[in-house]
N, C-alpha and C. Protein backbone atom coordinates (compact mmCIF):
# COMPACT_ATOMS: atom_id res chain seq x y z
N MET A 1 -128.72 -67.23 186.07
CA MET A 1 -129.48 -66.07 186.51
C MET A 1 -128.51 -64.97 186.90
N ALA A 2 -128.75 -63.77 186.38
CA ALA A 2 -127.82 -62.67 186.64
C ALA A 2 -128.00 -62.15 188.04
N ALA A 3 -126.90 -61.88 188.71
CA ALA A 3 -126.96 -61.34 190.07
C ALA A 3 -127.26 -59.86 190.00
N SER A 4 -128.03 -59.36 190.97
CA SER A 4 -128.31 -57.93 190.99
C SER A 4 -127.06 -57.18 191.42
N VAL A 5 -126.90 -55.97 190.88
CA VAL A 5 -125.73 -55.16 191.19
C VAL A 5 -126.00 -54.37 192.44
N THR A 6 -125.14 -54.52 193.42
CA THR A 6 -125.24 -53.74 194.64
C THR A 6 -123.99 -52.91 194.78
N THR A 7 -124.04 -51.95 195.66
CA THR A 7 -122.88 -51.07 195.86
C THR A 7 -121.65 -51.88 196.25
N SER A 8 -121.84 -52.91 197.06
CA SER A 8 -120.70 -53.69 197.53
C SER A 8 -120.06 -54.51 196.42
N SER A 9 -120.84 -54.79 195.31
CA SER A 9 -120.28 -55.60 194.23
C SER A 9 -119.55 -54.77 193.18
N ILE A 10 -119.65 -53.44 193.27
CA ILE A 10 -118.95 -52.58 192.33
C ILE A 10 -117.48 -52.53 192.70
N PRO A 11 -116.58 -52.89 191.79
CA PRO A 11 -115.16 -52.92 192.15
C PRO A 11 -114.64 -51.52 192.47
N SER A 12 -113.74 -51.45 193.42
CA SER A 12 -113.14 -50.18 193.78
C SER A 12 -112.21 -49.72 192.67
N THR A 13 -111.89 -48.42 192.67
CA THR A 13 -110.99 -47.88 191.65
C THR A 13 -109.64 -48.58 191.69
N SER A 14 -109.15 -48.87 192.88
CA SER A 14 -107.84 -49.54 192.99
C SER A 14 -107.91 -50.96 192.43
N ALA A 15 -109.06 -51.63 192.63
CA ALA A 15 -109.20 -52.99 192.09
C ALA A 15 -109.22 -52.96 190.56
N VAL A 16 -109.91 -51.97 189.98
CA VAL A 16 -109.95 -51.83 188.52
C VAL A 16 -108.55 -51.52 187.99
N ASP A 17 -107.84 -50.60 188.66
CA ASP A 17 -106.48 -50.27 188.25
C ASP A 17 -105.58 -51.49 188.29
N GLU A 18 -105.73 -52.30 189.35
CA GLU A 18 -104.89 -53.49 189.50
C GLU A 18 -105.20 -54.50 188.39
N ARG A 19 -106.51 -54.67 188.08
CA ARG A 19 -106.89 -55.62 187.03
C ARG A 19 -106.34 -55.20 185.67
N ARG A 20 -106.40 -53.93 185.34
CA ARG A 20 -105.97 -53.50 184.02
C ARG A 20 -104.46 -53.63 183.86
N GLU A 21 -103.72 -53.64 184.98
CA GLU A 21 -102.28 -53.81 184.89
C GLU A 21 -101.88 -55.22 184.47
N TRP A 22 -102.81 -56.19 184.59
CA TRP A 22 -102.46 -57.57 184.27
C TRP A 22 -103.12 -58.06 182.99
N ILE A 23 -103.81 -57.17 182.28
CA ILE A 23 -104.35 -57.53 180.97
C ILE A 23 -103.17 -57.71 180.02
N ARG A 24 -103.22 -58.78 179.22
CA ARG A 24 -102.10 -59.10 178.34
C ARG A 24 -102.55 -59.12 176.89
N ILE A 25 -101.62 -58.78 176.00
CA ILE A 25 -101.85 -58.93 174.56
C ILE A 25 -100.58 -59.47 173.91
N ASP A 26 -100.78 -60.19 172.81
CA ASP A 26 -99.66 -60.53 171.94
C ASP A 26 -99.53 -59.41 170.92
N ASP A 27 -98.31 -58.95 170.69
CA ASP A 27 -98.10 -57.80 169.83
C ASP A 27 -96.76 -57.94 169.11
N ARG A 28 -96.52 -57.04 168.18
CA ARG A 28 -95.22 -56.98 167.48
C ARG A 28 -94.76 -55.54 167.56
N VAL A 29 -93.62 -55.34 168.21
CA VAL A 29 -93.10 -53.98 168.42
C VAL A 29 -91.63 -53.92 168.02
N LEU A 30 -91.16 -52.70 167.80
CA LEU A 30 -89.72 -52.50 167.59
C LEU A 30 -89.06 -52.53 168.96
N MET A 31 -88.05 -53.38 169.12
CA MET A 31 -87.46 -53.56 170.44
C MET A 31 -85.98 -53.92 170.34
N GLU A 32 -85.24 -53.47 171.33
CA GLU A 32 -83.86 -53.95 171.54
C GLU A 32 -83.66 -54.11 173.04
N TYR A 33 -82.75 -54.99 173.40
CA TYR A 33 -82.48 -55.20 174.82
C TYR A 33 -81.01 -55.52 175.03
N ARG A 34 -80.54 -55.16 176.21
CA ARG A 34 -79.14 -55.38 176.59
C ARG A 34 -79.10 -55.94 178.00
N VAL A 35 -78.05 -56.67 178.28
CA VAL A 35 -77.85 -57.20 179.63
C VAL A 35 -77.30 -56.11 180.52
N LEU A 36 -77.87 -55.95 181.71
CA LEU A 36 -77.32 -55.00 182.67
C LEU A 36 -76.20 -55.67 183.43
N ALA A 37 -75.00 -55.16 183.27
CA ALA A 37 -73.82 -55.72 183.95
C ALA A 37 -73.75 -55.14 185.36
N GLU A 38 -72.88 -55.65 186.15
CA GLU A 38 -72.75 -55.27 187.56
C GLU A 38 -72.62 -53.77 187.79
N PRO A 39 -71.70 -53.08 187.10
CA PRO A 39 -71.54 -51.65 187.39
C PRO A 39 -72.67 -50.78 186.84
N GLY A 40 -73.70 -51.41 186.24
CA GLY A 40 -74.81 -50.63 185.70
C GLY A 40 -74.67 -50.36 184.21
N THR A 41 -73.66 -50.94 183.57
CA THR A 41 -73.48 -50.75 182.13
C THR A 41 -74.31 -51.79 181.39
N ALA A 42 -74.76 -51.42 180.19
CA ALA A 42 -75.58 -52.31 179.37
C ALA A 42 -74.72 -52.95 178.29
N VAL A 43 -74.75 -54.28 178.24
CA VAL A 43 -73.93 -55.03 177.28
C VAL A 43 -74.83 -55.53 176.16
N PRO A 44 -74.48 -55.24 174.88
CA PRO A 44 -75.33 -55.70 173.77
C PRO A 44 -75.47 -57.22 173.76
N ILE A 45 -76.65 -57.68 173.31
CA ILE A 45 -76.90 -59.11 173.20
C ILE A 45 -76.23 -59.67 171.96
N GLU A 46 -76.41 -58.97 170.83
CA GLU A 46 -75.87 -59.44 169.56
C GLU A 46 -75.03 -58.34 168.92
N THR A 47 -74.07 -58.74 168.13
CA THR A 47 -73.23 -57.74 167.43
C THR A 47 -73.39 -57.84 165.92
N ALA A 48 -74.49 -58.47 165.46
CA ALA A 48 -74.71 -58.62 164.02
C ALA A 48 -74.91 -57.26 163.38
N ASN A 49 -74.41 -57.13 162.13
CA ASN A 49 -74.56 -55.88 161.41
C ASN A 49 -76.02 -55.58 161.10
N THR A 50 -76.33 -54.31 161.03
CA THR A 50 -77.68 -53.87 160.68
C THR A 50 -77.89 -54.06 159.18
N THR A 51 -78.99 -54.72 158.82
CA THR A 51 -79.28 -55.00 157.41
C THR A 51 -80.26 -53.97 156.84
N PRO A 52 -80.31 -53.84 155.50
CA PRO A 52 -81.30 -52.94 154.90
C PRO A 52 -82.74 -53.29 155.29
N GLU A 53 -83.01 -54.59 155.46
CA GLU A 53 -84.35 -55.02 155.86
C GLU A 53 -84.70 -54.51 157.25
N MET A 54 -83.72 -54.57 158.17
CA MET A 54 -83.94 -54.06 159.53
C MET A 54 -84.20 -52.56 159.51
N ILE A 55 -83.41 -51.84 158.72
CA ILE A 55 -83.56 -50.39 158.63
C ILE A 55 -84.94 -50.05 158.06
N SER A 56 -85.33 -50.74 157.01
CA SER A 56 -86.64 -50.49 156.39
C SER A 56 -87.77 -50.72 157.38
N ALA A 57 -87.67 -51.80 158.15
CA ALA A 57 -88.72 -52.11 159.14
C ALA A 57 -88.81 -51.03 160.20
N VAL A 58 -87.67 -50.56 160.68
CA VAL A 58 -87.65 -49.54 161.73
C VAL A 58 -88.21 -48.22 161.23
N VAL A 59 -87.86 -47.85 160.00
CA VAL A 59 -88.30 -46.56 159.45
C VAL A 59 -89.78 -46.58 159.08
N THR A 60 -90.24 -47.67 158.48
CA THR A 60 -91.61 -47.69 157.95
C THR A 60 -92.67 -48.10 158.96
N GLN A 61 -92.30 -48.85 160.01
CA GLN A 61 -93.34 -49.33 160.92
C GLN A 61 -94.08 -48.20 161.64
N PRO A 62 -93.40 -47.17 162.17
CA PRO A 62 -94.16 -46.10 162.84
C PRO A 62 -95.17 -45.42 161.91
N THR A 63 -94.80 -45.21 160.65
CA THR A 63 -95.74 -44.61 159.70
C THR A 63 -96.91 -45.54 159.44
N ALA A 64 -96.64 -46.83 159.30
CA ALA A 64 -97.72 -47.80 159.10
C ALA A 64 -98.65 -47.83 160.31
N ASP A 65 -98.07 -47.78 161.53
CA ASP A 65 -98.90 -47.75 162.74
C ASP A 65 -99.76 -46.49 162.78
N LEU A 66 -99.17 -45.36 162.40
CA LEU A 66 -99.90 -44.10 162.39
C LEU A 66 -101.06 -44.16 161.40
N LEU A 67 -100.82 -44.71 160.22
CA LEU A 67 -101.89 -44.85 159.22
C LEU A 67 -103.00 -45.77 159.73
N ALA A 68 -102.61 -46.85 160.40
CA ALA A 68 -103.61 -47.79 160.92
C ALA A 68 -104.48 -47.13 161.98
N ARG A 69 -103.91 -46.23 162.76
CA ARG A 69 -104.66 -45.58 163.84
C ARG A 69 -105.51 -44.41 163.36
N THR A 70 -105.07 -43.72 162.31
CA THR A 70 -105.80 -42.54 161.87
C THR A 70 -106.77 -42.83 160.73
N GLY A 71 -106.56 -43.94 160.04
CA GLY A 71 -107.48 -44.33 158.97
C GLY A 71 -107.51 -43.33 157.83
N GLU A 72 -108.72 -43.07 157.36
CA GLU A 72 -108.93 -42.22 156.18
C GLU A 72 -108.45 -40.78 156.37
N SER A 73 -108.44 -40.29 157.61
CA SER A 73 -108.12 -38.88 157.84
C SER A 73 -106.70 -38.53 157.40
N LEU A 74 -105.76 -39.45 157.58
CA LEU A 74 -104.38 -39.18 157.16
C LEU A 74 -104.13 -39.57 155.71
N ILE A 75 -104.85 -40.57 155.23
CA ILE A 75 -104.63 -41.04 153.87
C ILE A 75 -104.88 -39.92 152.85
N GLY A 76 -105.88 -39.09 153.08
CA GLY A 76 -106.17 -38.00 152.17
C GLY A 76 -105.47 -36.70 152.51
N SER A 77 -104.62 -36.73 153.52
CA SER A 77 -103.98 -35.50 154.00
C SER A 77 -102.77 -35.14 153.14
N PRO A 78 -102.53 -33.83 152.94
CA PRO A 78 -101.31 -33.41 152.22
C PRO A 78 -100.03 -33.65 153.03
N VAL A 79 -100.19 -34.00 154.31
CA VAL A 79 -99.03 -34.27 155.16
C VAL A 79 -98.40 -35.64 154.83
N LEU A 80 -99.24 -36.57 154.38
CA LEU A 80 -98.75 -37.95 154.16
C LEU A 80 -97.59 -38.03 153.18
N PRO A 81 -97.62 -37.34 152.02
CA PRO A 81 -96.46 -37.41 151.11
C PRO A 81 -95.17 -36.92 151.77
N TRP A 82 -95.28 -35.93 152.64
CA TRP A 82 -94.08 -35.43 153.33
C TRP A 82 -93.56 -36.46 154.32
N ILE A 83 -94.47 -37.12 155.02
CA ILE A 83 -94.04 -38.19 155.94
C ILE A 83 -93.31 -39.28 155.17
N MET A 84 -93.88 -39.67 154.01
CA MET A 84 -93.26 -40.73 153.20
C MET A 84 -91.89 -40.28 152.68
N LYS A 85 -91.78 -38.99 152.34
CA LYS A 85 -90.50 -38.48 151.84
C LYS A 85 -89.44 -38.50 152.94
N VAL A 86 -89.84 -38.10 154.16
CA VAL A 86 -88.92 -38.15 155.31
C VAL A 86 -88.48 -39.58 155.57
N ASP A 87 -89.43 -40.52 155.50
CA ASP A 87 -89.08 -41.94 155.68
C ASP A 87 -88.05 -42.38 154.65
N TYR A 88 -88.25 -41.99 153.40
CA TYR A 88 -87.34 -42.39 152.33
C TYR A 88 -85.93 -41.83 152.56
N VAL A 89 -85.87 -40.53 152.87
CA VAL A 89 -84.57 -39.89 153.09
C VAL A 89 -83.86 -40.52 154.28
N LEU A 90 -84.61 -40.76 155.38
CA LEU A 90 -84.03 -41.37 156.57
C LEU A 90 -83.49 -42.76 156.27
N GLU A 91 -84.24 -43.52 155.48
CA GLU A 91 -83.80 -44.88 155.12
C GLU A 91 -82.51 -44.84 154.30
N VAL A 92 -82.42 -43.90 153.36
CA VAL A 92 -81.21 -43.76 152.54
C VAL A 92 -80.01 -43.40 153.41
N ILE A 93 -80.19 -42.46 154.33
CA ILE A 93 -79.10 -42.02 155.21
C ILE A 93 -78.63 -43.18 156.10
N LEU A 94 -79.58 -43.90 156.70
CA LEU A 94 -79.21 -45.00 157.60
C LEU A 94 -78.53 -46.13 156.84
N ASN A 95 -79.00 -46.43 155.63
CA ASN A 95 -78.35 -47.47 154.83
C ASN A 95 -76.93 -47.07 154.46
N SER A 96 -76.74 -45.80 154.14
CA SER A 96 -75.40 -45.31 153.81
C SER A 96 -74.47 -45.41 155.02
N LEU A 97 -74.97 -45.01 156.19
CA LEU A 97 -74.18 -45.12 157.42
C LEU A 97 -73.85 -46.57 157.74
N ALA A 98 -74.84 -47.46 157.57
CA ALA A 98 -74.62 -48.87 157.87
C ALA A 98 -73.56 -49.49 156.97
N MET A 99 -73.45 -48.99 155.73
CA MET A 99 -72.44 -49.51 154.81
C MET A 99 -71.05 -48.96 155.12
N THR A 100 -70.98 -47.66 155.45
CA THR A 100 -69.66 -47.04 155.66
C THR A 100 -69.15 -47.19 157.08
N HIS A 101 -70.05 -47.16 158.06
CA HIS A 101 -69.68 -47.30 159.48
C HIS A 101 -70.64 -48.25 160.17
N PRO A 102 -70.53 -49.56 159.93
CA PRO A 102 -71.51 -50.52 160.45
C PRO A 102 -71.72 -50.45 161.96
N ALA A 103 -70.66 -50.20 162.71
CA ALA A 103 -70.78 -50.20 164.17
C ALA A 103 -71.57 -49.00 164.70
N SER A 104 -71.74 -47.98 163.84
CA SER A 104 -72.42 -46.77 164.30
C SER A 104 -73.94 -46.86 164.22
N VAL A 105 -74.46 -47.90 163.56
CA VAL A 105 -75.90 -48.02 163.37
C VAL A 105 -76.41 -49.29 164.05
N THR A 106 -77.12 -49.11 165.14
CA THR A 106 -77.78 -50.25 165.79
C THR A 106 -79.27 -49.99 165.74
N MET A 107 -80.05 -51.03 165.49
CA MET A 107 -81.48 -50.88 165.26
C MET A 107 -82.29 -51.77 166.18
N ALA A 108 -83.40 -51.20 166.62
CA ALA A 108 -84.41 -52.04 167.25
C ALA A 108 -84.96 -52.96 166.17
N ARG A 109 -85.42 -54.14 166.57
CA ARG A 109 -85.92 -55.10 165.60
C ARG A 109 -87.40 -55.37 165.85
N PRO A 110 -88.17 -55.62 164.79
CA PRO A 110 -89.55 -56.04 165.02
C PRO A 110 -89.54 -57.36 165.80
N THR A 111 -90.20 -57.35 166.94
CA THR A 111 -90.14 -58.49 167.87
C THR A 111 -91.54 -58.85 168.33
N ASP A 112 -91.85 -60.14 168.30
CA ASP A 112 -93.13 -60.61 168.84
C ASP A 112 -93.01 -60.65 170.36
N VAL A 113 -93.96 -60.00 171.03
CA VAL A 113 -93.92 -59.91 172.48
C VAL A 113 -95.31 -60.20 173.05
N ASN A 114 -95.31 -60.57 174.32
CA ASN A 114 -96.54 -60.68 175.09
C ASN A 114 -96.45 -59.59 176.14
N LEU A 115 -97.35 -58.60 176.06
CA LEU A 115 -97.22 -57.39 176.87
C LEU A 115 -98.29 -57.29 177.94
N SER A 116 -97.86 -56.84 179.12
CA SER A 116 -98.79 -56.38 180.15
C SER A 116 -98.12 -55.20 180.83
N ALA A 117 -98.85 -54.52 181.69
CA ALA A 117 -98.25 -53.39 182.40
C ALA A 117 -97.30 -53.88 183.49
N GLY A 118 -97.32 -55.17 183.80
CA GLY A 118 -96.46 -55.70 184.84
C GLY A 118 -95.21 -56.38 184.33
N GLY A 119 -95.19 -56.70 183.02
CA GLY A 119 -94.02 -57.39 182.48
C GLY A 119 -94.24 -57.75 181.03
N MET A 120 -93.31 -58.51 180.47
CA MET A 120 -93.40 -58.89 179.07
C MET A 120 -92.70 -60.22 178.83
N GLY A 121 -93.15 -60.90 177.80
CA GLY A 121 -92.51 -62.13 177.37
C GLY A 121 -92.04 -61.99 175.94
N PHE A 122 -90.94 -62.62 175.59
CA PHE A 122 -90.44 -62.60 174.22
C PHE A 122 -89.43 -63.72 174.04
N ILE A 123 -89.04 -63.95 172.79
CA ILE A 123 -88.09 -65.02 172.47
C ILE A 123 -86.70 -64.42 172.32
N SER A 124 -85.73 -65.04 172.97
CA SER A 124 -84.35 -64.57 172.93
C SER A 124 -83.47 -65.66 172.31
N SER A 125 -82.41 -65.21 171.64
CA SER A 125 -81.48 -66.17 171.04
C SER A 125 -80.54 -66.78 172.08
N ARG A 126 -80.53 -66.22 173.29
CA ARG A 126 -79.66 -66.78 174.33
C ARG A 126 -80.43 -67.00 175.62
N GLU A 127 -79.88 -67.86 176.44
CA GLU A 127 -80.52 -68.21 177.72
C GLU A 127 -80.12 -67.21 178.80
N PHE A 128 -81.05 -66.95 179.70
CA PHE A 128 -80.77 -66.12 180.87
C PHE A 128 -81.18 -66.87 182.12
N ALA A 129 -80.57 -66.49 183.23
CA ALA A 129 -80.94 -67.08 184.51
C ALA A 129 -82.01 -66.23 185.17
N ALA A 130 -82.85 -66.86 185.98
CA ALA A 130 -83.84 -66.11 186.75
C ALA A 130 -83.11 -65.08 187.60
N GLY A 131 -83.60 -63.85 187.56
CA GLY A 131 -82.97 -62.78 188.32
C GLY A 131 -82.09 -61.87 187.47
N ASP A 132 -81.68 -62.34 186.28
CA ASP A 132 -80.92 -61.47 185.38
C ASP A 132 -81.75 -60.25 185.02
N GLN A 133 -81.09 -59.11 184.86
CA GLN A 133 -81.80 -57.88 184.50
C GLN A 133 -81.39 -57.41 183.11
N LEU A 134 -82.38 -56.94 182.37
CA LEU A 134 -82.17 -56.47 181.00
C LEU A 134 -82.68 -55.04 180.86
N ALA A 135 -81.93 -54.23 180.13
CA ALA A 135 -82.40 -52.89 179.77
C ALA A 135 -83.15 -53.01 178.45
N ILE A 136 -84.42 -52.59 178.48
CA ILE A 136 -85.30 -52.74 177.32
C ILE A 136 -85.58 -51.38 176.71
N LYS A 137 -85.56 -51.32 175.37
CA LYS A 137 -86.08 -50.15 174.65
C LYS A 137 -87.08 -50.68 173.65
N MET A 138 -88.30 -50.16 173.68
CA MET A 138 -89.29 -50.56 172.67
C MET A 138 -90.08 -49.35 172.23
N ILE A 139 -90.54 -49.41 171.00
CA ILE A 139 -91.31 -48.31 170.43
C ILE A 139 -92.74 -48.78 170.25
N LEU A 140 -93.65 -48.07 170.95
CA LEU A 140 -95.07 -48.37 170.82
C LEU A 140 -95.69 -47.38 169.83
N PRO A 141 -96.74 -47.83 169.12
CA PRO A 141 -97.38 -46.95 168.14
C PRO A 141 -97.95 -45.70 168.80
N PRO A 142 -97.97 -44.55 168.07
CA PRO A 142 -97.39 -44.40 166.74
C PRO A 142 -95.87 -44.21 166.79
N PHE A 143 -95.34 -43.60 167.84
CA PHE A 143 -93.88 -43.52 167.97
C PHE A 143 -93.54 -43.08 169.38
N ARG A 144 -93.76 -43.96 170.35
CA ARG A 144 -93.48 -43.66 171.75
C ARG A 144 -92.37 -44.60 172.23
N LEU A 145 -91.23 -44.02 172.59
CA LEU A 145 -90.12 -44.81 173.11
C LEU A 145 -90.36 -45.13 174.58
N ILE A 146 -90.36 -46.41 174.90
CA ILE A 146 -90.48 -46.87 176.28
C ILE A 146 -89.14 -47.48 176.67
N GLN A 147 -88.54 -46.98 177.75
CA GLN A 147 -87.30 -47.55 178.27
C GLN A 147 -87.58 -48.11 179.66
N ALA A 148 -87.11 -49.30 179.91
CA ALA A 148 -87.40 -49.95 181.18
C ALA A 148 -86.31 -50.95 181.51
N VAL A 149 -86.32 -51.39 182.75
CA VAL A 149 -85.48 -52.50 183.18
C VAL A 149 -86.41 -53.63 183.58
N VAL A 150 -86.12 -54.82 183.08
CA VAL A 150 -86.93 -56.00 183.43
C VAL A 150 -86.04 -57.03 184.12
N LYS A 151 -86.69 -57.83 184.96
CA LYS A 151 -86.00 -58.95 185.61
C LYS A 151 -86.54 -60.24 185.03
N VAL A 152 -85.64 -61.14 184.67
CA VAL A 152 -86.04 -62.43 184.10
C VAL A 152 -86.66 -63.30 185.19
N ILE A 153 -87.88 -63.77 184.93
CA ILE A 153 -88.56 -64.69 185.86
C ILE A 153 -88.24 -66.13 185.50
N ARG A 154 -88.29 -66.41 184.20
CA ARG A 154 -87.92 -67.76 183.73
C ARG A 154 -87.45 -67.69 182.29
N SER A 155 -86.65 -68.67 181.90
CA SER A 155 -86.12 -68.78 180.55
C SER A 155 -86.28 -70.24 180.14
N VAL A 156 -87.19 -70.50 179.19
CA VAL A 156 -87.54 -71.87 178.82
C VAL A 156 -87.07 -72.14 177.39
N PRO A 157 -86.27 -73.20 177.18
CA PRO A 157 -85.80 -73.49 175.82
C PRO A 157 -86.96 -73.91 174.91
N GLN A 158 -86.92 -73.45 173.65
CA GLN A 158 -87.90 -73.91 172.67
C GLN A 158 -87.58 -75.34 172.27
N THR A 159 -88.55 -75.99 171.65
CA THR A 159 -88.35 -77.40 171.30
C THR A 159 -87.18 -77.61 170.34
N ASP A 160 -86.91 -76.61 169.48
CA ASP A 160 -85.79 -76.77 168.54
C ASP A 160 -84.44 -76.50 169.20
N GLY A 161 -84.45 -75.98 170.44
CA GLY A 161 -83.23 -75.73 171.17
C GLY A 161 -82.42 -74.54 170.67
N LEU A 162 -82.98 -73.75 169.73
CA LEU A 162 -82.23 -72.64 169.14
C LEU A 162 -82.55 -71.30 169.80
N ALA A 163 -83.58 -71.26 170.62
CA ALA A 163 -83.96 -69.99 171.26
C ALA A 163 -84.65 -70.30 172.58
N PHE A 164 -84.92 -69.23 173.33
CA PHE A 164 -85.50 -69.36 174.66
C PHE A 164 -86.67 -68.40 174.82
N VAL A 165 -87.73 -68.89 175.44
CA VAL A 165 -88.89 -68.04 175.72
C VAL A 165 -88.68 -67.43 177.09
N LEU A 166 -88.59 -66.08 177.13
CA LEU A 166 -88.35 -65.38 178.39
C LEU A 166 -89.65 -64.82 178.94
N ALA A 167 -89.82 -64.94 180.24
CA ALA A 167 -90.89 -64.25 180.96
C ALA A 167 -90.20 -63.27 181.90
N THR A 168 -90.59 -62.01 181.84
CA THR A 168 -89.93 -60.99 182.64
C THR A 168 -90.96 -60.12 183.35
N GLU A 169 -90.47 -59.41 184.38
CA GLU A 169 -91.32 -58.42 185.03
C GLU A 169 -90.58 -57.09 185.07
N PHE A 170 -91.34 -55.99 184.98
CA PHE A 170 -90.73 -54.67 185.04
C PHE A 170 -90.26 -54.38 186.47
N VAL A 171 -89.01 -53.93 186.59
CA VAL A 171 -88.52 -53.50 187.90
C VAL A 171 -88.19 -52.02 187.90
N ASP A 172 -88.15 -51.43 186.71
CA ASP A 172 -87.93 -49.98 186.59
C ASP A 172 -88.66 -49.51 185.35
N LEU A 173 -89.85 -48.92 185.54
CA LEU A 173 -90.67 -48.42 184.45
C LEU A 173 -91.35 -47.15 184.94
N LYS A 174 -91.13 -46.04 184.23
CA LYS A 174 -91.70 -44.77 184.66
C LYS A 174 -93.23 -44.85 184.67
N PRO A 175 -93.89 -44.21 185.65
CA PRO A 175 -95.35 -44.25 185.71
C PRO A 175 -96.02 -43.78 184.42
N ASP A 176 -95.49 -42.73 183.78
CA ASP A 176 -96.07 -42.24 182.53
C ASP A 176 -95.96 -43.28 181.43
N ASP A 177 -94.81 -43.98 181.39
CA ASP A 177 -94.63 -45.02 180.38
C ASP A 177 -95.55 -46.21 180.65
N GLN A 178 -95.74 -46.55 181.93
CA GLN A 178 -96.65 -47.64 182.28
C GLN A 178 -98.08 -47.29 181.88
N GLU A 179 -98.48 -46.04 182.11
CA GLU A 179 -99.82 -45.60 181.74
C GLU A 179 -100.00 -45.66 180.22
N TYR A 180 -98.98 -45.24 179.48
CA TYR A 180 -99.06 -45.30 178.01
C TYR A 180 -99.15 -46.76 177.56
N LEU A 181 -98.38 -47.64 178.20
CA LEU A 181 -98.40 -49.06 177.87
C LEU A 181 -99.79 -49.65 178.11
N ILE A 182 -100.41 -49.30 179.23
CA ILE A 182 -101.76 -49.78 179.54
C ILE A 182 -102.75 -49.29 178.48
N ARG A 183 -102.66 -48.00 178.12
CA ARG A 183 -103.57 -47.46 177.10
C ARG A 183 -103.37 -48.17 175.76
N HIS A 184 -102.11 -48.46 175.42
CA HIS A 184 -101.82 -49.18 174.17
C HIS A 184 -102.46 -50.57 174.21
N ILE A 185 -102.33 -51.26 175.31
CA ILE A 185 -102.90 -52.61 175.45
C ILE A 185 -104.42 -52.56 175.31
N LEU A 186 -105.07 -51.64 176.03
CA LEU A 186 -106.52 -51.53 175.98
C LEU A 186 -107.00 -51.13 174.58
N HIS A 187 -106.28 -50.20 173.94
CA HIS A 187 -106.65 -49.76 172.59
C HIS A 187 -106.52 -50.92 171.60
N THR A 188 -105.42 -51.68 171.71
CA THR A 188 -105.21 -52.81 170.81
C THR A 188 -106.28 -53.86 171.00
N GLN A 189 -106.62 -54.15 172.26
CA GLN A 189 -107.69 -55.12 172.53
C GLN A 189 -109.01 -54.68 171.93
N ALA A 190 -109.34 -53.39 172.11
CA ALA A 190 -110.60 -52.87 171.58
C ALA A 190 -110.63 -52.94 170.06
N GLU A 191 -109.51 -52.60 169.40
CA GLU A 191 -109.43 -52.66 167.94
C GLU A 191 -109.63 -54.09 167.44
N ARG A 192 -109.00 -55.05 168.11
CA ARG A 192 -109.12 -56.44 167.69
C ARG A 192 -110.54 -56.96 167.90
N LEU A 193 -111.17 -56.54 168.99
CA LEU A 193 -112.54 -56.95 169.25
C LEU A 193 -113.46 -56.39 168.18
N ARG A 194 -113.27 -55.11 167.81
CA ARG A 194 -114.10 -54.51 166.76
C ARG A 194 -113.89 -55.24 165.43
N ALA A 195 -112.64 -55.58 165.13
CA ALA A 195 -112.36 -56.30 163.88
C ALA A 195 -113.03 -57.67 163.85
N ARG A 196 -113.00 -58.38 164.99
CA ARG A 196 -113.65 -59.69 165.06
C ARG A 196 -115.16 -59.58 164.88
N ARG A 197 -115.75 -58.56 165.51
CA ARG A 197 -117.21 -58.36 165.39
C ARG A 197 -117.59 -58.00 163.96
N ALA A 198 -116.76 -57.17 163.33
CA ALA A 198 -117.05 -56.77 161.94
C ALA A 198 -116.93 -57.98 161.01
N ALA A 199 -115.99 -58.88 161.29
CA ALA A 199 -115.78 -60.06 160.44
C ALA A 199 -116.93 -61.04 160.55
N THR A 200 -117.57 -61.10 161.73
CA THR A 200 -118.66 -62.05 161.93
C THR A 200 -120.03 -61.44 161.63
N ALA A 201 -120.07 -60.13 161.39
CA ALA A 201 -121.36 -59.45 161.15
C ALA A 201 -121.87 -59.75 159.75
């Protein structure tokens, strides 16, 4: 039996804000992270060369995200061929730089993450101790750079022993970036819910 709604049962604005900060989604974003060393310098996690596949993913994903969000309106637009041309030229330039000066090109990588406004989880190739801090850069659709510092809460080895599942919390995230992150999470949830309903209709 449904309870009647009274004024006292309506959640306060602060309670709603607090709840939305802990909504989580699994997502795939462009991301890179570095260890924060004692003097405040960021140390790279990996020194592997940037591959053409990494460059292609970084260049094309924002355009793909933009197309997914705008639907038919951009597909028929005369702007789209220009966007594709810019993507192509940028990919050629970055590939050329990566071949001639490998150390000069570092790329965010498509990374599976679990996102909330309070923290994030992801898989790392190396183990961290609880309390370690990482400088994070990630790109949210369509092309919003989020920079933050996270603190490692736990680092759990995967069953194969080749990687670690990290759980982290944000310790330095600008309010505007947090608000954008929350909107991205809510938008993604709504899109997935609509897709599920359309599939079962």
